[in-house]
Amino acid sequence: MDSIKELSVVSVPDLWKRRAEIFSSDRADLKGIGVDSAGVAFLVRWAKSLGSGRKLMLEHPSADLVRLIGIFRVGSLFELKETR
C-alpha cells in the first residue's frame, strides 16, 4: 500500500485490478491514506478474502475510517492498530 494515496471511488477500480497482489497480505498500513465508502467496500472484500475467522489488520486508520466502519457495522472484519 506504499504508493497508494487514497482508497476512494476514483482509485478503487485500478486497485481492484491488482487485488490478487494486494489481498495476499493480512494487513494494511493506512497512514496518510484517505478512505471513502468505496474504499471501505474494498477493505471489506479484502477482509472477506482472508477466510473464516481471520481479520484484516488496519494500521493507522484515520478517525473518519473508524467512523465509517462503525456506520457500516463491519468492525468484526477488522483489527484496528492505532499506533501513535
C-alpha atoms as a PDB file:
ATOM      1  CA  MET A   1       0.000   0.000   0.000  1.00  0.00           C
ATOM      2  CA  ASP A   2       3.085   2.189  -0.083  1.00  0.00           C
ATOM      3  CA  SER A   3       2.259   4.024  -3.302  1.00  0.00           C
ATOM      4  CA  ILE A   4      -1.472   4.348  -2.592  1.00  0.00           C
ATOM      5  CA  LYS A   5      -2.608   7.821  -1.536  1.00  0.00           C
ATOM      6  CA  GLU A   6      -6.325   7.100  -1.193  1.00  0.00           C
ATOM      7  CA  LEU A   7      -8.920   4.361  -1.206  1.00  0.00           C
ATOM      8  CA  SER A   8     -11.726   6.135  -2.994  1.00  0.00           C
ATOM      9  CA  VAL A   9     -14.260   5.837  -5.761  1.00  0.00           C
ATOM     10  CA  VAL A  10     -11.524   7.158  -8.068  1.00  0.00           C
ATOM     11  CA  SER A  11      -8.730   4.754  -7.068  1.00  0.00           C
ATOM     12  CA  VAL A  12     -10.603   1.536  -6.216  1.00  0.00           C
ATOM     13  CA  PRO A  13     -11.231   0.421  -9.844  1.00  0.00           C
ATOM     14  CA  ASP A  14      -7.482   0.394 -10.533  1.00  0.00           C
ATOM     15  CA  LEU A  15      -6.747  -1.273  -7.192  1.00  0.00           C
ATOM     16  CA  TRP A  16      -9.348  -3.931  -7.945  1.00  0.00           C
ATOM     17  CA  LYS A  17      -7.251  -4.997 -10.948  1.00  0.00           C
ATOM     18  CA  ARG A  18      -4.343  -5.593  -8.513  1.00  0.00           C
ATOM     19  CA  ARG A  19      -6.422  -7.314  -5.851  1.00  0.00           C
ATOM     20  CA  ALA A  20      -4.621 -10.681  -6.082  1.00  0.00           C
ATOM     21  CA  GLU A  21      -1.376  -8.950  -5.120  1.00  0.00           C
ATOM     22  CA  ILE A  22      -2.953  -6.653  -2.521  1.00  0.00           C
ATOM     23  CA  PHE A  23      -5.157  -9.314  -0.906  1.00  0.00           C
ATOM     24  CA  SER A  24      -2.160 -11.621  -0.366  1.00  0.00           C
ATOM     25  CA  SER A  25      -1.416  -9.703   2.845  1.00  0.00           C
ATOM     26  CA  ASP A  26      -3.423  -9.717   6.067  1.00  0.00           C
ATOM     27  CA  ARG A  27      -2.554  -6.141   6.995  1.00  0.00           C
ATOM     28  CA  ALA A  28      -2.882  -2.676   5.526  1.00  0.00           C
ATOM     29  CA  ASP A  29      -0.892   0.339   6.668  1.00  0.00           C
ATOM     30  CA  LEU A  30      -3.259   3.237   6.074  1.00  0.00           C
ATOM     31  CA  LYS A  31      -1.070   6.007   7.440  1.00  0.00           C
ATOM     32  CA  GLY A  32      -1.921   9.148   5.490  1.00  0.00           C
ATOM     33  CA  ILE A  33      -4.397   7.343   3.222  1.00  0.00           C
ATOM     34  CA  GLY A  34      -7.864   8.843   2.799  1.00  0.00           C
ATOM     35  CA  VAL A  35     -10.734   6.364   2.651  1.00  0.00           C
ATOM     36  CA  ASP A  36     -14.308   6.917   1.447  1.00  0.00           C
ATOM     37  CA  SER A  37     -17.212   4.458   1.280  1.00  0.00           C
ATOM     38  CA  ALA A  38     -15.808   2.807  -1.872  1.00  0.00           C
ATOM     39  CA  GLY A  39     -12.561   2.309  -0.003  1.00  0.00           C
ATOM     40  CA  VAL A  40     -14.409   0.701   2.911  1.00  0.00           C
ATOM     41  CA  ALA A  41     -16.089  -1.670   0.432  1.00  0.00           C
ATOM     42  CA  PHE A  42     -12.637  -2.561  -0.934  1.00  0.00           C
ATOM     43  CA  LEU A  43     -11.351  -3.234   2.589  1.00  0.00           C
ATOM     44  CA  VAL A  44     -14.411  -5.382   3.342  1.00  0.00           C
ATOM     45  CA  ARG A  45     -13.772  -7.525   0.235  1.00  0.00           C
ATOM     46  CA  TRP A  46     -10.123  -7.797   1.240  1.00  0.00           C
ATOM     47  CA  ALA A  47     -11.049  -8.894   4.767  1.00  0.00           C
ATOM     48  CA  LYS A  48     -13.551 -11.454   3.476  1.00  0.00           C
ATOM     49  CA  SER A  49     -10.915 -12.875   1.123  1.00  0.00           C
ATOM     50  CA  LEU A  50      -8.801 -13.882   4.135  1.00  0.00           C
ATOM     51  CA  GLY A  51     -11.199 -16.628   5.118  1.00  0.00           C
ATOM     52  CA  SER A  52     -13.243 -17.565   8.118  1.00  0.00           C
ATOM     53  CA  GLY A  53     -12.127 -16.307  11.482  1.00  0.00           C
ATOM     54  CA  ARG A  54      -9.318 -14.121  10.175  1.00  0.00           C
ATOM     55  CA  LYS A  55      -9.345 -10.346  10.435  1.00  0.00           C
ATOM     56  CA  LEU A  56      -7.656  -7.726   8.315  1.00  0.00           C
ATOM     57  CA  MET A  57      -5.253  -5.662  10.425  1.00  0.00           C
ATOM     58  CA  LEU A  58      -5.699  -1.965   9.691  1.00  0.00           C
ATOM     59  CA  GLU A  59      -2.707   0.029  10.888  1.00  0.00           C
ATOM     60  CA  HIS A  60      -3.041   3.794  11.379  1.00  0.00           C
ATOM     61  CA  PRO A  61      -6.741   4.042  10.476  1.00  0.00           C
ATOM     62  CA  SER A  62      -7.984   7.620  10.313  1.00  0.00           C
ATOM     63  CA  ALA A  63     -10.774   8.775  12.604  1.00  0.00           C
ATOM     64  CA  ASP A  64     -13.003   9.073   9.514  1.00  0.00           C
ATOM     65  CA  LEU A  65     -12.334   5.450   8.572  1.00  0.00           C
ATOM     66  CA  VAL A  66     -13.083   4.263  12.093  1.00  0.00           C
ATOM     67  CA  ARG A  67     -16.393   6.167  11.943  1.00  0.00           C
ATOM     68  CA  LEU A  68     -17.282   4.636   8.554  1.00  0.00           C
ATOM     69  CA  ILE A  69     -16.500   1.145   9.830  1.00  0.00           C
ATOM     70  CA  GLY A  70     -18.899   1.810  12.706  1.00  0.00           C
ATOM     71  CA  ILE A  71     -21.603   3.271  10.480  1.00  0.00           C
ATOM     72  CA  PHE A  72     -21.454   0.286   8.113  1.00  0.00           C
ATOM     73  CA  ARG A  73     -21.216  -2.166  11.042  1.00  0.00           C
ATOM     74  CA  VAL A  74     -18.281  -4.085   9.600  1.00  0.00           C
ATOM     75  CA  GLY A  75     -15.966  -3.789  12.596  1.00  0.00           C
ATOM     76  CA  SER A  76     -15.934  -7.541  13.175  1.00  0.00           C
ATOM     77  CA  LEU A  77     -13.901  -7.942   9.970  1.00  0.00           C
ATOM     78  CA  PHE A  78     -11.024  -5.775  11.155  1.00  0.00           C
ATOM     79  CA  GLU A  79      -8.442  -5.436  13.859  1.00  0.00           C
ATOM     80  CA  LEU A  80      -7.514  -1.794  14.307  1.00  0.00           C
ATOM     81  CA  LYS A  81      -3.982  -0.891  15.323  1.00  0.00           C
ATOM     82  CA  GLU A  82      -3.904   2.773  16.197  1.00  0.00           C
ATOM     83  CA  THR A  83      -0.254   3.497  16.840  1.00  0.00           C
ATOM     84  CA  ARG A  84       0.621   6.991  17.857  1.00  0.00           C
END
